[in-house]
Amino acid sequence: MPDTSNFNAQAAADESSTPAASVWPDISGVPTTPVAPPGGMPVYPGDDIAGVPTTPVAPPGGMPVYPGDDIAGVPTTPIAPSGGMPVYPGPTWPDCPIYPLPTPTIPIITIPSVTYYGQVRFLNASTNGLSLDVYIDNQSVFSGSSFATVSTYTQVSDGFHTVTVRQTHGQVLYQQTLAFVSGEKVTMVLLDSSGGITLTKVSDMGCTNVPSGYGCLRVTNMTYSGSSYDVRLFNNQIVFAGIGYKDVTSFKQASAGNYTFFITNAQTSVTSFNELPVIIFTAIVGGCPACTVANPLLTYSINIRAGKAYTSYIIGNPWSNLYRVYTLED
């Protein structure tokens, strides 16, 4: 049998000479960072690296919460939620006070009140023999009036106003709420009615674009129901034809000068086509001895001045002995 003692002794010697397994160094005392489980979020119970404070990490979609300082010694500011406004419980930076923002002042502009006015006057054409007073909204504008008297123009604000006519110190004969227009001048004519008094409005506007050396003239019939008149010159030329009760003619241009007009009953055969388009004083100067107006109801004269407008009011009636033409400058 072979001698194996030497082989075994050599093997034993080789095994005893093999180096021992390595030993890991001891690293106790070095802080380690806990590792979050898969899908979880890291939790920091203390410092990550020795001596360096760590910041808690917010969950996905959430907002960071700062229980203390973010970096050692540096104060942190609370963060407002998405879409919200920051809230500052104290200074946002050391020793930096927060001042409230001033409330903006909105200026108030006061627009002054503007009142617009028209003008009105009153003509007494009533033949009842009574003294009449006129009020607008209980304010007297024409007192103690008699036939063929007129008030001055009174300002009246744009809008509706109550007009009252009463016998002086007596009963109310008329009361109505009427519309007045800013910028308009009117004459209100007091007329007889079955109930006492009525009013008719005549606008005092309309004479415009008058040539140099000319004025304007028109005529209105404020006498009695059923009446109708023609207005003629001395040579029987017709100036205005067929003026019915409460009618107001249009203005006609008239060269400046003195005129005499004749009022006759209207002729049914006469129309506006027979009227003079313009009243020309020079056309009638020189006279016409053969010319005449037969049996006029009324005759009146007027001095027409350049640039002025006139309205001749035929008022009254034949049976009252109050029958005339009363001309007013508008």
C-alpha atoms as a PDB file:
ATOM      1  CA  MET A   1       0.000   0.000   0.000  1.00  0.00           C
ATOM      2  CA  PRO A   2       1.432   3.308  -0.920  1.00  0.00           C
ATOM      3  CA  ASP A   3       2.615   5.588   1.801  1.00  0.00           C
ATOM      4  CA  THR A   4       0.338   8.672   1.833  1.00  0.00           C
ATOM      5  CA  SER A   5       1.538  10.261   4.922  1.00  0.00           C
ATOM      6  CA  ASN A   6       3.620  12.813   3.113  1.00  0.00           C
ATOM      7  CA  PHE A   7       0.631  13.894   0.871  1.00  0.00           C
ATOM      8  CA  ASN A   8      -1.666  14.323   3.809  1.00  0.00           C
ATOM      9  CA  ALA A   9       0.930  16.273   5.699  1.00  0.00           C
ATOM     10  CA  GLN A  10       1.420  18.589   2.695  1.00  0.00           C
ATOM     11  CA  ALA A  11      -2.304  19.180   2.320  1.00  0.00           C
ATOM     12  CA  ALA A  12      -2.582  19.974   5.926  1.00  0.00           C
ATOM     13  CA  ALA A  13       0.245  22.405   5.592  1.00  0.00           C
ATOM     14  CA  ASP A  14      -1.356  24.115   2.525  1.00  0.00           C
ATOM     15  CA  GLU A  15      -4.746  24.468   4.255  1.00  0.00           C
ATOM     16  CA  SER A  16      -3.165  25.954   7.312  1.00  0.00           C
ATOM     17  CA  SER A  17      -1.374  28.566   5.161  1.00  0.00           C
ATOM     18  CA  THR A  18      -4.605  29.856   3.286  1.00  0.00           C
ATOM     19  CA  PRO A  19      -5.532  33.434   4.375  1.00  0.00           C
ATOM     20  CA  ALA A  20      -8.681  33.868   6.520  1.00  0.00           C
ATOM     21  CA  ALA A  21     -11.902  35.460   5.114  1.00  0.00           C
ATOM     22  CA  SER A  22     -12.082  39.317   5.072  1.00  0.00           C
ATOM     23  CA  VAL A  23     -13.837  41.079   7.972  1.00  0.00           C
ATOM     24  CA  TRP A  24     -16.070  44.288   7.151  1.00  0.00           C
ATOM     25  CA  PRO A  25     -14.978  47.422   8.930  1.00  0.00           C
ATOM     26  CA  ASP A  26     -17.075  48.645  11.819  1.00  0.00           C
ATOM     27  CA  ILE A  27     -18.922  51.800  10.696  1.00  0.00           C
ATOM     28  CA  SER A  28     -21.129  52.155  13.726  1.00  0.00           C
ATOM     29  CA  GLY A  29     -21.560  55.748  14.695  1.00  0.00           C
ATOM     30  CA  VAL A  30     -22.187  56.909  11.127  1.00  0.00           C
ATOM     31  CA  PRO A  31     -25.913  57.781  10.719  1.00  0.00           C
ATOM     32  CA  THR A  32     -27.711  56.075   7.940  1.00  0.00           C
ATOM     33  CA  THR A  33     -30.770  57.187   5.988  1.00  0.00           C
ATOM     34  CA  PRO A  34     -33.790  54.919   6.232  1.00  0.00           C
ATOM     35  CA  VAL A  35     -34.820  53.659   2.845  1.00  0.00           C
ATOM     36  CA  ALA A  36     -38.499  53.849   2.001  1.00  0.00           C
ATOM     37  CA  PRO A  37     -40.208  50.678   0.910  1.00  0.00           C
ATOM     38  CA  PRO A  38     -40.962  50.472  -2.798  1.00  0.00           C
ATOM     39  CA  GLY A  39     -43.789  52.908  -3.631  1.00  0.00           C
ATOM     40  CA  GLY A  40     -43.539  54.673  -0.287  1.00  0.00           C
ATOM     41  CA  MET A  41     -42.170  58.074   0.641  1.00  0.00           C
ATOM     42  CA  PRO A  42     -38.986  58.630   2.636  1.00  0.00           C
ATOM     43  CA  VAL A  43     -39.424  59.463   6.283  1.00  0.00           C
ATOM     44  CA  TYR A  44     -36.779  61.513   8.004  1.00  0.00           C
ATOM     45  CA  PRO A  45     -36.727  60.928  11.722  1.00  0.00           C
ATOM     46  CA  GLY A  46     -33.544  62.890  12.113  1.00  0.00           C
ATOM     47  CA  ASP A  47     -30.650  64.361  10.193  1.00  0.00           C
ATOM     48  CA  ASP A  48     -29.795  62.905   6.792  1.00  0.00           C
ATOM     49  CA  ILE A  49     -26.127  63.753   6.942  1.00  0.00           C
ATOM     50  CA  ALA A  50     -24.621  64.362  10.272  1.00  0.00           C
ATOM     51  CA  GLY A  51     -25.137  67.971  11.309  1.00  0.00           C
ATOM     52  CA  VAL A  52     -27.305  68.940   8.280  1.00  0.00           C
ATOM     53  CA  PRO A  53     -30.997  69.346   9.098  1.00  0.00           C
ATOM     54  CA  THR A  54     -33.382  67.702   6.660  1.00  0.00           C
ATOM     55  CA  THR A  55     -36.633  69.050   5.258  1.00  0.00           C
ATOM     56  CA  PRO A  56     -39.773  66.926   5.340  1.00  0.00           C
ATOM     57  CA  VAL A  57     -40.919  66.077   1.857  1.00  0.00           C
ATOM     58  CA  ALA A  58     -44.571  66.620   0.979  1.00  0.00           C
ATOM     59  CA  PRO A  59     -46.582  63.773  -0.510  1.00  0.00           C
ATOM     60  CA  PRO A  60     -47.189  64.001  -4.264  1.00  0.00           C
ATOM     61  CA  GLY A  61     -49.849  66.699  -5.025  1.00  0.00           C
ATOM     62  CA  GLY A  62     -49.736  68.036  -1.472  1.00  0.00           C
ATOM     63  CA  MET A  63     -48.261  71.261  -0.120  1.00  0.00           C
ATOM     64  CA  PRO A  64     -45.123  71.379   2.042  1.00  0.00           C
ATOM     65  CA  VAL A  65     -45.645  71.979   5.744  1.00  0.00           C
ATOM     66  CA  TYR A  66     -42.876  73.666   7.659  1.00  0.00           C
ATOM     67  CA  PRO A  67     -42.988  72.830  11.330  1.00  0.00           C
ATOM     68  CA  GLY A  68     -39.794  74.744  11.912  1.00  0.00           C
ATOM     69  CA  ASP A  69     -36.905  76.256  10.073  1.00  0.00           C
ATOM     70  CA  ASP A  70     -36.125  74.993   6.576  1.00  0.00           C
ATOM     71  CA  ILE A  71     -32.416  75.659   6.823  1.00  0.00           C
ATOM     72  CA  ALA A  72     -30.994  76.042  10.262  1.00  0.00           C
ATOM     73  CA  GLY A  73     -31.467  79.623  11.461  1.00  0.00           C
ATOM     74  CA  VAL A  74     -33.520  80.751   8.424  1.00  0.00           C
ATOM     75  CA  PRO A  75     -37.257  81.300   9.160  1.00  0.00           C
ATOM     76  CA  THR A  76     -39.710  79.826   6.670  1.00  0.00           C
ATOM     77  CA  THR A  77     -42.860  81.401   5.234  1.00  0.00           C
ATOM     78  CA  PRO A  78     -46.144  79.477   5.171  1.00  0.00           C
ATOM     79  CA  ILE A  79     -47.171  78.680   1.619  1.00  0.00           C
ATOM     80  CA  ALA A  80     -50.744  79.399   0.560  1.00  0.00           C
ATOM     81  CA  PRO A  81     -52.827  76.622  -0.959  1.00  0.00           C
ATOM     82  CA  SER A  82     -53.157  76.616  -4.729  1.00  0.00           C
ATOM     83  CA  GLY A  83     -55.395  79.529  -5.827  1.00  0.00           C
ATOM     84  CA  GLY A  84     -55.434  81.038  -2.333  1.00  0.00           C
ATOM     85  CA  MET A  85     -53.855  84.155  -0.907  1.00  0.00           C
ATOM     86  CA  PRO A  86     -50.860  84.166   1.451  1.00  0.00           C
ATOM     87  CA  VAL A  87     -51.581  84.680   5.133  1.00  0.00           C
ATOM     88  CA  TYR A  88     -48.908  86.415   7.142  1.00  0.00           C
ATOM     89  CA  PRO A  89     -49.183  85.767  10.860  1.00  0.00           C
ATOM     90  CA  GLY A  90     -46.066  87.824  11.422  1.00  0.00           C
ATOM     91  CA  PRO A  91     -43.051  89.291   9.622  1.00  0.00           C
ATOM     92  CA  THR A  92     -41.994  87.458   6.489  1.00  0.00           C
ATOM     93  CA  TRP A  93     -38.368  88.314   7.023  1.00  0.00           C
ATOM     94  CA  PRO A  94     -36.559  88.928  10.263  1.00  0.00           C
ATOM     95  CA  ASP A  95     -37.243  92.415  11.672  1.00  0.00           C
ATOM     96  CA  CYS A  96     -39.320  93.333   8.566  1.00  0.00           C
ATOM     97  CA  PRO A  97     -42.837  94.454   9.662  1.00  0.00           C
ATOM     98  CA  ILE A  98     -45.885  93.870   7.475  1.00  0.00           C
ATOM     99  CA  TYR A  99     -48.031  96.941   6.792  1.00  0.00           C
ATOM    100  CA  PRO A 100     -51.655  96.581   5.656  1.00  0.00           C
ATOM    101  CA  LEU A 101     -52.309  97.829   2.120  1.00  0.00           C
ATOM    102  CA  PRO A 102     -54.418 101.038   2.041  1.00  0.00           C
ATOM    103  CA  THR A 103     -57.949 100.744   0.697  1.00  0.00           C
ATOM    104  CA  PRO A 104     -58.065 102.509  -2.695  1.00  0.00           C
ATOM    105  CA  THR A 105     -60.158 105.665  -2.701  1.00  0.00           C
ATOM    106  CA  ILE A 106     -62.632 105.924  -5.583  1.00  0.00           C
ATOM    107  CA  PRO A 107     -63.368 109.579  -6.429  1.00  0.00           C
ATOM    108  CA  ILE A 108     -67.035 110.538  -6.468  1.00  0.00           C
ATOM    109  CA  ILE A 109     -67.916 112.953  -9.256  1.00  0.00           C
ATOM    110  CA  THR A 110     -71.016 115.015  -8.642  1.00  0.00           C
ATOM    111  CA  ILE A 111     -72.828 116.028 -11.821  1.00  0.00           C
ATOM    112  CA  PRO A 112     -74.644 119.311 -11.327  1.00  0.00           C
ATOM    113  CA  SER A 113     -78.377 119.226 -11.846  1.00  0.00           C
ATOM    114  CA  VAL A 114     -79.375 120.975 -15.061  1.00  0.00           C
ATOM    115  CA  THR A 115     -82.893 122.241 -15.585  1.00  0.00           C
ATOM    116  CA  TYR A 116     -84.136 123.165 -19.044  1.00  0.00           C
ATOM    117  CA  TYR A 117     -86.776 125.832 -19.527  1.00  0.00           C
ATOM    118  CA  GLY A 118     -89.318 127.026 -22.007  1.00  0.00           C
ATOM    119  CA  GLN A 119     -91.263 130.303 -21.923  1.00  0.00           C
ATOM    120  CA  VAL A 120     -94.994 130.915 -21.737  1.00  0.00           C
ATOM    121  CA  ARG A 121     -97.241 133.979 -21.632  1.00  0.00           C
ATOM    122  CA  PHE A 122    -101.034 134.300 -21.330  1.00  0.00           C
ATOM    123  CA  LEU A 123    -103.416 136.414 -23.413  1.00  0.00           C
ATOM    124  CA  ASN A 124    -106.897 137.053 -22.045  1.00  0.00           C
ATOM    125  CA  ALA A 125    -109.345 136.839 -24.981  1.00  0.00           C
ATOM    126  CA  SER A 126    -112.364 135.971 -22.835  1.00  0.00           C
ATOM    127  CA  THR A 127    -115.430 138.236 -23.156  1.00  0.00           C
ATOM    128  CA  ASN A 128    -117.154 137.060 -19.941  1.00  0.00           C
ATOM    129  CA  GLY A 129    -116.242 140.303 -18.183  1.00  0.00           C
ATOM    130  CA  LEU A 130    -114.561 138.518 -15.271  1.00  0.00           C
ATOM    131  CA  SER A 131    -111.195 139.353 -13.769  1.00  0.00           C
ATOM    132  CA  LEU A 132    -109.050 136.248 -14.158  1.00  0.00           C
ATOM    133  CA  ASP A 133    -105.962 134.885 -12.386  1.00  0.00           C
ATOM    134  CA  VAL A 134    -103.619 132.250 -13.807  1.00  0.00           C
ATOM    135  CA  TYR A 135    -101.429 129.865 -11.809  1.00  0.00           C
ATOM    136  CA  ILE A 136     -98.768 127.340 -12.804  1.00  0.00           C
ATOM    137  CA  ASP A 137     -98.345 124.693 -10.101  1.00  0.00           C
ATOM    138  CA  ASN A 138    -100.048 127.033  -7.613  1.00  0.00           C
ATOM    139  CA  GLN A 139     -97.669 129.899  -8.433  1.00  0.00           C
ATOM    140  CA  SER A 140     -99.363 133.072  -9.700  1.00  0.00           C
ATOM    141  CA  VAL A 141     -98.180 134.168 -13.165  1.00  0.00           C
ATOM    142  CA  PHE A 142    -101.033 136.434 -14.329  1.00  0.00           C
ATOM    143  CA  SER A 143    -103.357 138.165 -11.873  1.00  0.00           C
ATOM    144  CA  GLY A 144    -106.360 140.476 -12.252  1.00  0.00           C
ATOM    145  CA  SER A 145    -106.390 140.153 -16.041  1.00  0.00           C
ATOM    146  CA  SER A 146    -109.172 141.525 -18.244  1.00  0.00           C
ATOM    147  CA  PHE A 147    -110.051 141.247 -21.928  1.00  0.00           C
ATOM    148  CA  ALA A 148    -107.181 142.087 -24.331  1.00  0.00           C
ATOM    149  CA  THR A 149    -104.413 142.028 -21.716  1.00  0.00           C
ATOM    150  CA  VAL A 150    -101.288 139.866 -21.836  1.00  0.00           C
ATOM    151  CA  SER A 151     -98.728 138.686 -19.313  1.00  0.00           C
ATOM    152  CA  THR A 152     -94.976 138.767 -19.715  1.00  0.00           C
ATOM    153  CA  TYR A 153     -93.126 135.583 -20.635  1.00  0.00           C
ATOM    154  CA  THR A 154     -92.554 133.275 -17.665  1.00  0.00           C
ATOM    155  CA  GLN A 155     -89.933 130.548 -17.522  1.00  0.00           C
ATOM    156  CA  VAL A 156     -91.331 127.054 -17.023  1.00  0.00           C
ATOM    157  CA  SER A 157     -89.241 123.919 -16.674  1.00  0.00           C
ATOM    158  CA  ASP A 158     -89.455 121.149 -19.245  1.00  0.00           C
ATOM    159  CA  GLY A 159     -92.184 118.668 -18.373  1.00  0.00           C
ATOM    160  CA  PHE A 160     -95.773 118.566 -17.156  1.00  0.00           C
ATOM    161  CA  HIS A 161     -97.273 121.357 -15.073  1.00  0.00           C
ATOM    162  CA  THR A 162    -100.749 122.090 -13.766  1.00  0.00           C
ATOM    163  CA  VAL A 163    -102.300 125.297 -15.098  1.00  0.00           C
ATOM    164  CA  THR A 164    -105.203 126.776 -13.160  1.00  0.00           C
ATOM    165  CA  VAL A 165    -107.451 129.698 -14.211  1.00  0.00           C
ATOM    166  CA  ARG A 166    -109.804 131.101 -11.640  1.00  0.00           C
ATOM    167  CA  GLN A 167    -111.936 134.141 -11.136  1.00  0.00           C
ATOM    168  CA  THR A 168    -110.022 136.614  -9.004  1.00  0.00           C
ATOM    169  CA  HIS A 169    -110.798 135.653  -5.394  1.00  0.00           C
ATOM    170  CA  GLY A 170    -113.361 133.218  -6.764  1.00  0.00           C
ATOM    171  CA  GLN A 171    -113.997 129.790  -8.193  1.00  0.00           C
ATOM    172  CA  VAL A 172    -111.763 127.709 -10.436  1.00  0.00           C
ATOM    173  CA  LEU A 173    -112.810 128.002 -14.098  1.00  0.00           C
ATOM    174  CA  TYR A 174    -110.119 125.816 -15.667  1.00  0.00           C
ATOM    175  CA  GLN A 175    -107.519 123.331 -14.404  1.00  0.00           C
ATOM    176  CA  GLN A 176    -105.445 121.002 -16.540  1.00  0.00           C
ATOM    177  CA  THR A 177    -102.005 119.373 -16.558  1.00  0.00           C
ATOM    178  CA  LEU A 178    -100.163 120.464 -19.711  1.00  0.00           C
ATOM    179  CA  ALA A 179     -96.824 119.618 -21.308  1.00  0.00           C
ATOM    180  CA  PHE A 180     -94.184 122.321 -21.677  1.00  0.00           C
ATOM    181  CA  VAL A 181     -91.146 121.877 -23.898  1.00  0.00           C
ATOM    182  CA  SER A 182     -87.647 123.153 -23.202  1.00  0.00           C
ATOM    183  CA  GLY A 183     -86.567 125.957 -25.539  1.00  0.00           C
ATOM    184  CA  GLU A 184     -90.086 126.657 -26.846  1.00  0.00           C
ATOM    185  CA  LYS A 185     -91.893 130.002 -26.504  1.00  0.00           C
ATOM    186  CA  VAL A 186     -95.687 129.819 -26.469  1.00  0.00           C
ATOM    187  CA  THR A 187     -98.712 132.063 -25.936  1.00  0.00           C
ATOM    188  CA  MET A 188    -101.666 130.505 -24.113  1.00  0.00           C
ATOM    189  CA  VAL A 189    -104.942 132.195 -25.100  1.00  0.00           C
ATOM    190  CA  LEU A 190    -107.811 132.265 -22.582  1.00  0.00           C
ATOM    191  CA  LEU A 191    -111.108 131.749 -24.426  1.00  0.00           C
ATOM    192  CA  ASP A 192    -114.758 131.474 -23.442  1.00  0.00           C
ATOM    193  CA  SER A 193    -116.256 127.990 -23.248  1.00  0.00           C
ATOM    194  CA  SER A 194    -119.554 126.485 -22.136  1.00  0.00           C
ATOM    195  CA  GLY A 195    -117.907 125.387 -18.911  1.00  0.00           C
ATOM    196  CA  GLY A 196    -116.219 128.710 -18.217  1.00  0.00           C
ATOM    197  CA  ILE A 197    -112.722 129.051 -19.705  1.00  0.00           C
ATOM    198  CA  THR A 198    -110.542 127.031 -22.066  1.00  0.00           C
ATOM    199  CA  LEU A 199    -106.951 127.474 -23.237  1.00  0.00           C
ATOM    200  CA  THR A 200    -105.442 127.329 -26.722  1.00  0.00           C
ATOM    201  CA  LYS A 201    -101.691 127.175 -27.277  1.00  0.00           C
ATOM    202  CA  VAL A 202     -99.957 129.187 -30.009  1.00  0.00           C
ATOM    203  CA  SER A 203     -96.272 128.481 -30.626  1.00  0.00           C
ATOM    204  CA  ASP A 204     -94.208 131.647 -30.989  1.00  0.00           C
ATOM    205  CA  MET A 205     -91.514 129.945 -33.058  1.00  0.00           C
ATOM    206  CA  GLY A 206     -91.056 129.640 -36.792  1.00  0.00           C
ATOM    207  CA  CYS A 207     -89.917 132.984 -38.207  1.00  0.00           C
ATOM    208  CA  THR A 208     -86.379 132.184 -39.396  1.00  0.00           C
ATOM    209  CA  ASN A 209     -83.985 133.054 -42.232  1.00  0.00           C
ATOM    210  CA  VAL A 210     -85.546 136.468 -42.797  1.00  0.00           C
ATOM    211  CA  PRO A 211     -83.732 138.611 -45.410  1.00  0.00           C
ATOM    212  CA  SER A 212     -82.265 141.931 -44.408  1.00  0.00           C
ATOM    213  CA  GLY A 213     -84.913 144.676 -44.274  1.00  0.00           C
ATOM    214  CA  TYR A 214     -87.784 142.220 -43.661  1.00  0.00           C
ATOM    215  CA  GLY A 215     -89.849 141.084 -40.709  1.00  0.00           C
ATOM    216  CA  CYS A 216     -92.544 138.420 -40.287  1.00  0.00           C
ATOM    217  CA  LEU A 217     -96.335 138.565 -39.870  1.00  0.00           C
ATOM    218  CA  ARG A 218     -99.070 136.006 -39.254  1.00  0.00           C
ATOM    219  CA  VAL A 219    -102.720 136.153 -38.132  1.00  0.00           C
ATOM    220  CA  THR A 220    -104.833 133.920 -35.848  1.00  0.00           C
ATOM    221  CA  ASN A 221    -108.594 133.783 -35.263  1.00  0.00           C
ATOM    222  CA  MET A 222    -109.467 133.570 -31.541  1.00  0.00           C
ATOM    223  CA  THR A 223    -113.049 134.943 -31.728  1.00  0.00           C
ATOM    224  CA  TYR A 224    -115.889 132.391 -31.776  1.00  0.00           C
ATOM    225  CA  SER A 225    -116.813 129.044 -33.228  1.00  0.00           C
ATOM    226  CA  GLY A 226    -117.930 129.165 -36.886  1.00  0.00           C
ATOM    227  CA  SER A 227    -116.125 132.399 -37.747  1.00  0.00           C
ATOM    228  CA  SER A 228    -113.784 132.689 -40.756  1.00  0.00           C
ATOM    229  CA  TYR A 229    -111.877 135.728 -42.040  1.00  0.00           C
ATOM    230  CA  ASP A 230    -109.808 137.123 -44.887  1.00  0.00           C
ATOM    231  CA  VAL A 231    -107.065 139.691 -44.282  1.00  0.00           C
ATOM    232  CA  ARG A 232    -106.609 142.267 -47.081  1.00  0.00           C
ATOM    233  CA  LEU A 233    -104.530 145.257 -47.997  1.00  0.00           C
ATOM    234  CA  PHE A 234    -106.128 148.586 -48.918  1.00  0.00           C
ATOM    235  CA  ASN A 235    -106.092 147.726 -52.626  1.00  0.00           C
ATOM    236  CA  ASN A 236    -108.101 144.588 -51.868  1.00  0.00           C
ATOM    237  CA  GLN A 237    -105.132 142.259 -52.261  1.00  0.00           C
ATOM    238  CA  ILE A 238    -105.521 139.220 -50.084  1.00  0.00           C
ATOM    239  CA  VAL A 239    -102.737 138.574 -47.574  1.00  0.00           C
ATOM    240  CA  PHE A 240    -104.353 135.691 -45.628  1.00  0.00           C
ATOM    241  CA  ALA A 241    -107.506 133.847 -46.699  1.00  0.00           C
ATOM    242  CA  GLY A 242    -110.088 131.714 -44.880  1.00  0.00           C
ATOM    243  CA  ILE A 243    -108.765 131.861 -41.300  1.00  0.00           C
ATOM    244  CA  GLY A 244    -111.104 129.624 -39.259  1.00  0.00           C
ATOM    245  CA  TYR A 245    -111.685 129.608 -35.510  1.00  0.00           C
ATOM    246  CA  LYS A 246    -108.455 128.824 -33.614  1.00  0.00           C
ATOM    247  CA  ASP A 247    -106.512 128.682 -36.898  1.00  0.00           C
ATOM    248  CA  VAL A 248    -103.005 130.149 -36.962  1.00  0.00           C
ATOM    249  CA  THR A 249    -101.534 131.107 -40.337  1.00  0.00           C
ATOM    250  CA  SER A 250     -97.921 130.578 -41.303  1.00  0.00           C
ATOM    251  CA  PHE A 251     -95.533 133.503 -41.033  1.00  0.00           C
ATOM    252  CA  LYS A 252     -95.046 135.601 -44.163  1.00  0.00           C
ATOM    253  CA  GLN A 253     -92.120 137.823 -44.899  1.00  0.00           C
ATOM    254  CA  ALA A 254     -92.986 141.513 -44.898  1.00  0.00           C
ATOM    255  CA  SER A 255     -90.730 144.383 -45.863  1.00  0.00           C
ATOM    256  CA  ALA A 256     -90.265 146.834 -42.999  1.00  0.00           C
ATOM    257  CA  GLY A 257     -92.841 149.647 -42.923  1.00  0.00           C
ATOM    258  CA  ASN A 258     -96.279 150.818 -41.768  1.00  0.00           C
ATOM    259  CA  TYR A 259     -99.259 148.780 -42.931  1.00  0.00           C
ATOM    260  CA  THR A 260    -103.030 148.993 -42.666  1.00  0.00           C
ATOM    261  CA  PHE A 261    -104.958 145.732 -42.921  1.00  0.00           C
ATOM    262  CA  PHE A 262    -108.661 145.058 -43.329  1.00  0.00           C
ATOM    263  CA  ILE A 263    -110.524 142.091 -41.846  1.00  0.00           C
ATOM    264  CA  THR A 264    -113.498 140.783 -43.834  1.00  0.00           C
ATOM    265  CA  ASN A 265    -115.638 137.699 -43.715  1.00  0.00           C
ATOM    266  CA  ALA A 266    -114.000 134.963 -45.718  1.00  0.00           C
ATOM    267  CA  GLN A 267    -115.098 134.549 -49.316  1.00  0.00           C
ATOM    268  CA  THR A 268    -115.637 130.946 -50.266  1.00  0.00           C
ATOM    269  CA  SER A 269    -114.189 131.583 -53.724  1.00  0.00           C
ATOM    270  CA  VAL A 270    -110.895 132.809 -52.286  1.00  0.00           C
ATOM    271  CA  THR A 271    -108.143 130.273 -51.575  1.00  0.00           C
ATOM    272  CA  SER A 272    -104.555 130.407 -50.492  1.00  0.00           C
ATOM    273  CA  PHE A 273    -103.545 130.522 -54.170  1.00  0.00           C
ATOM    274  CA  ASN A 274    -104.953 134.077 -54.234  1.00  0.00           C
ATOM    275  CA  GLU A 275    -102.723 135.202 -51.368  1.00  0.00           C
ATOM    276  CA  LEU A 276     -99.690 137.431 -51.686  1.00  0.00           C
ATOM    277  CA  PRO A 277     -96.630 135.222 -51.163  1.00  0.00           C
ATOM    278  CA  VAL A 278     -94.658 138.118 -49.661  1.00  0.00           C
ATOM    279  CA  ILE A 279     -95.912 141.393 -48.211  1.00  0.00           C
ATOM    280  CA  ILE A 280     -93.966 144.135 -49.997  1.00  0.00           C
ATOM    281  CA  PHE A 281     -94.495 147.633 -48.728  1.00  0.00           C
ATOM    282  CA  THR A 282     -93.111 149.338 -51.820  1.00  0.00           C
ATOM    283  CA  ALA A 283     -95.815 147.698 -53.954  1.00  0.00           C
ATOM    284  CA  ILE A 284     -98.568 149.608 -52.188  1.00  0.00           C
ATOM    285  CA  VAL A 285     -96.893 152.970 -51.666  1.00  0.00           C
ATOM    286  CA  GLY A 286     -98.307 155.701 -53.921  1.00  0.00           C
ATOM    287  CA  GLY A 287    -101.927 154.976 -53.114  1.00  0.00           C
ATOM    288  CA  CYS A 288    -104.802 153.818 -55.192  1.00  0.00           C
ATOM    289  CA  PRO A 289    -107.755 156.234 -54.849  1.00  0.00           C
ATOM    290  CA  ALA A 290    -110.106 153.869 -56.633  1.00  0.00           C
ATOM    291  CA  CYS A 291    -109.026 150.928 -54.532  1.00  0.00           C
ATOM    292  CA  THR A 292    -111.049 150.168 -51.459  1.00  0.00           C
ATOM    293  CA  VAL A 293    -112.167 147.330 -49.214  1.00  0.00           C
ATOM    294  CA  ALA A 294    -115.943 147.366 -48.862  1.00  0.00           C
ATOM    295  CA  ASN A 295    -117.467 147.026 -45.395  1.00  0.00           C
ATOM    296  CA  PRO A 296    -114.535 145.584 -43.449  1.00  0.00           C
ATOM    297  CA  LEU A 297    -115.346 144.055 -40.060  1.00  0.00           C
ATOM    298  CA  LEU A 298    -112.182 145.409 -38.504  1.00  0.00           C
ATOM    299  CA  THR A 299    -109.282 147.628 -39.531  1.00  0.00           C
ATOM    300  CA  TYR A 300    -105.896 147.765 -37.861  1.00  0.00           C
ATOM    301  CA  SER A 301    -102.439 149.195 -38.496  1.00  0.00           C
ATOM    302  CA  ILE A 302     -99.022 147.842 -37.634  1.00  0.00           C
ATOM    303  CA  ASN A 303     -95.421 148.996 -37.946  1.00  0.00           C
ATOM    304  CA  ILE A 304     -93.378 146.019 -39.053  1.00  0.00           C
ATOM    305  CA  ARG A 305     -89.715 146.336 -38.138  1.00  0.00           C
ATOM    306  CA  ALA A 306     -86.887 144.463 -39.804  1.00  0.00           C
ATOM    307  CA  GLY A 307     -85.868 141.269 -38.010  1.00  0.00           C
ATOM    308  CA  LYS A 308     -89.034 141.144 -35.864  1.00  0.00           C
ATOM    309  CA  ALA A 309     -91.942 138.701 -35.860  1.00  0.00           C
ATOM    310  CA  TYR A 310     -95.569 139.637 -35.149  1.00  0.00           C
ATOM    311  CA  THR A 311     -98.838 137.791 -34.549  1.00  0.00           C
ATOM    312  CA  SER A 312    -102.157 139.606 -35.023  1.00  0.00           C
ATOM    313  CA  TYR A 313    -104.855 138.023 -32.807  1.00  0.00           C
ATOM    314  CA  ILE A 314    -108.467 138.607 -33.925  1.00  0.00           C
ATOM    315  CA  ILE A 315    -110.351 138.371 -30.597  1.00  0.00           C
ATOM    316  CA  GLY A 316    -113.827 139.023 -29.175  1.00  0.00           C
ATOM    317  CA  ASN A 317    -117.118 139.012 -31.133  1.00  0.00           C
ATOM    318  CA  PRO A 318    -119.543 141.508 -32.674  1.00  0.00           C
ATOM    319  CA  TRP A 319    -122.276 141.150 -30.019  1.00  0.00           C
ATOM    320  CA  SER A 320    -120.123 141.800 -26.957  1.00  0.00           C
ATOM    321  CA  ASN A 321    -118.717 145.140 -28.069  1.00  0.00           C
ATOM    322  CA  LEU A 322    -115.348 143.485 -27.450  1.00  0.00           C
ATOM    323  CA  TYR A 323    -114.095 142.918 -30.974  1.00  0.00           C
ATOM    324  CA  ARG A 324    -110.632 143.848 -32.118  1.00  0.00           C
ATOM    325  CA  VAL A 325    -107.231 142.877 -33.471  1.00  0.00           C
ATOM    326  CA  TYR A 326    -104.509 142.624 -30.856  1.00  0.00           C
ATOM    327  CA  THR A 327    -100.973 142.381 -32.289  1.00  0.00           C
ATOM    328  CA  LEU A 328     -98.102 140.962 -30.236  1.00  0.00           C
ATOM    329  CA  GLU A 329     -94.411 140.818 -30.989  1.00  0.00           C
ATOM    330  CA  ASP A 330     -93.191 137.249 -30.644  1.00  0.00           C
END
